[in-house]
Amino acid sequence: MQLDWSALGEVAAVSTGVTVGVVVVFALGVLGLARAETAREGDGGTDPVGLGVAGLCFLACAAVVAYGIYLIVPQFH
């Protein structure tokens, strides 16, 4: 049995990069929700930018998860 170490390293690097990226995007979504909540508590209004950023970030995270499930489940191909 022979291992292709460069392919294994490439998979590990891409997996780590995507994982860090998804975590950062999710954290930005939580930050957007926190900004919207702070604005609501402060003056009773809403922060549409914070809500928009949160929505886009969570949508991006959901898209990455859905794409991962698509790649794993063979019936979807």
C-alpha atoms as a PDB file:
ATOM      1  CA  MET A   1       0.000   0.000   0.000  1.00  0.00           C
ATOM      2  CA  GLN A   2       1.318   3.383  -0.948  1.00  0.00           C
ATOM      3  CA  LEU A   3       0.084   6.749   0.295  1.00  0.00           C
ATOM      4  CA  ASP A   4       0.002   9.889  -1.793  1.00  0.00           C
ATOM      5  CA  TRP A   5       1.292  12.223   0.900  1.00  0.00           C
ATOM      6  CA  SER A   6       0.924  15.368  -1.190  1.00  0.00           C
ATOM      7  CA  ALA A   7      -2.773  14.625  -1.812  1.00  0.00           C
ATOM      8  CA  LEU A   8      -3.276  13.923   1.884  1.00  0.00           C
ATOM      9  CA  GLY A   9      -1.594  17.219   2.784  1.00  0.00           C
ATOM     10  CA  GLU A  10      -3.704  19.067   0.228  1.00  0.00           C
ATOM     11  CA  VAL A  11      -6.927  17.614   1.637  1.00  0.00           C
ATOM     12  CA  ALA A  12      -5.839  18.486   5.178  1.00  0.00           C
ATOM     13  CA  ALA A  13      -4.935  22.055   4.197  1.00  0.00           C
ATOM     14  CA  VAL A  14      -8.190  22.670   2.306  1.00  0.00           C
ATOM     15  CA  SER A  15     -10.251  21.148   5.113  1.00  0.00           C
ATOM     16  CA  THR A  16      -8.524  23.313   7.711  1.00  0.00           C
ATOM     17  CA  GLY A  17      -8.925  26.434   5.579  1.00  0.00           C
ATOM     18  CA  VAL A  18     -12.615  25.872   4.929  1.00  0.00           C
ATOM     19  CA  THR A  19     -13.238  25.082   8.593  1.00  0.00           C
ATOM     20  CA  VAL A  20     -11.535  28.274   9.741  1.00  0.00           C
ATOM     21  CA  GLY A  21     -13.407  30.250   7.079  1.00  0.00           C
ATOM     22  CA  VAL A  22     -16.810  28.918   8.140  1.00  0.00           C
ATOM     23  CA  VAL A  23     -16.049  29.640  11.796  1.00  0.00           C
ATOM     24  CA  VAL A  24     -15.012  33.218  10.969  1.00  0.00           C
ATOM     25  CA  VAL A  25     -18.120  33.816   8.846  1.00  0.00           C
ATOM     26  CA  PHE A  26     -20.350  32.391  11.592  1.00  0.00           C
ATOM     27  CA  ALA A  27     -18.634  34.636  14.160  1.00  0.00           C
ATOM     28  CA  LEU A  28     -19.284  37.647  11.925  1.00  0.00           C
ATOM     29  CA  GLY A  29     -22.945  36.638  11.802  1.00  0.00           C
ATOM     30  CA  VAL A  30     -23.094  36.505  15.582  1.00  0.00           C
ATOM     31  CA  LEU A  31     -21.408  39.920  15.699  1.00  0.00           C
ATOM     32  CA  GLY A  32     -24.069  41.302  13.344  1.00  0.00           C
ATOM     33  CA  LEU A  33     -26.815  39.963  15.590  1.00  0.00           C
ATOM     34  CA  ALA A  34     -25.098  41.490  18.621  1.00  0.00           C
ATOM     35  CA  ARG A  35     -24.956  44.876  16.880  1.00  0.00           C
ATOM     36  CA  ALA A  36     -28.648  44.669  16.049  1.00  0.00           C
ATOM     37  CA  GLU A  37     -29.485  43.712  19.632  1.00  0.00           C
ATOM     38  CA  THR A  38     -27.369  46.564  21.015  1.00  0.00           C
ATOM     39  CA  ALA A  39     -29.137  49.049  18.761  1.00  0.00           C
ATOM     40  CA  ARG A  40     -32.527  47.692  19.839  1.00  0.00           C
ATOM     41  CA  GLU A  41     -31.661  48.001  23.517  1.00  0.00           C
ATOM     42  CA  GLY A  42     -30.038  51.422  23.119  1.00  0.00           C
ATOM     43  CA  ASP A  43     -32.578  53.519  21.245  1.00  0.00           C
ATOM     44  CA  GLY A  44     -35.346  51.035  20.515  1.00  0.00           C
ATOM     45  CA  GLY A  45     -34.533  50.962  16.798  1.00  0.00           C
ATOM     46  CA  THR A  46     -32.991  48.284  14.675  1.00  0.00           C
ATOM     47  CA  ASP A  47     -29.660  48.055  12.910  1.00  0.00           C
ATOM     48  CA  PRO A  48     -30.476  46.902   9.381  1.00  0.00           C
ATOM     49  CA  VAL A  49     -26.793  46.561   8.507  1.00  0.00           C
ATOM     50  CA  GLY A  50     -26.218  44.214  11.441  1.00  0.00           C
ATOM     51  CA  LEU A  51     -29.247  42.128  10.557  1.00  0.00           C
ATOM     52  CA  GLY A  52     -28.242  42.030   6.902  1.00  0.00           C
ATOM     53  CA  VAL A  53     -24.698  40.971   7.686  1.00  0.00           C
ATOM     54  CA  ALA A  54     -25.978  38.304  10.070  1.00  0.00           C
ATOM     55  CA  GLY A  55     -28.414  36.981   7.489  1.00  0.00           C
ATOM     56  CA  LEU A  56     -25.798  36.807   4.745  1.00  0.00           C
ATOM     57  CA  CYS A  57     -23.244  35.164   7.022  1.00  0.00           C
ATOM     58  CA  PHE A  58     -25.669  32.520   8.254  1.00  0.00           C
ATOM     59  CA  LEU A  59     -26.864  31.916   4.698  1.00  0.00           C
ATOM     60  CA  ALA A  60     -23.247  31.404   3.591  1.00  0.00           C
ATOM     61  CA  CYS A  61     -22.680  28.923   6.435  1.00  0.00           C
ATOM     62  CA  ALA A  62     -25.836  27.037   5.497  1.00  0.00           C
ATOM     63  CA  ALA A  63     -24.714  26.942   1.848  1.00  0.00           C
ATOM     64  CA  VAL A  64     -21.343  25.453   2.815  1.00  0.00           C
ATOM     65  CA  VAL A  65     -23.034  22.799   4.963  1.00  0.00           C
ATOM     66  CA  ALA A  66     -25.524  21.981   2.179  1.00  0.00           C
ATOM     67  CA  TYR A  67     -22.690  21.680  -0.355  1.00  0.00           C
ATOM     68  CA  GLY A  68     -20.813  19.349   1.985  1.00  0.00           C
ATOM     69  CA  ILE A  69     -23.875  17.148   2.357  1.00  0.00           C
ATOM     70  CA  TYR A  70     -24.303  17.189  -1.427  1.00  0.00           C
ATOM     71  CA  LEU A  71     -20.724  15.966  -1.844  1.00  0.00           C
ATOM     72  CA  ILE A  72     -21.102  13.204   0.741  1.00  0.00           C
ATOM     73  CA  VAL A  73     -24.473  11.719  -0.266  1.00  0.00           C
ATOM     74  CA  PRO A  74     -24.148   9.846  -3.580  1.00  0.00           C
ATOM     75  CA  GLN A  75     -27.897   9.919  -4.369  1.00  0.00           C
ATOM     76  CA  PHE A  76     -27.658  13.686  -4.930  1.00  0.00           C
ATOM     77  CA  HIS A  77     -25.257  13.361  -7.868  1.00  0.00           C
END
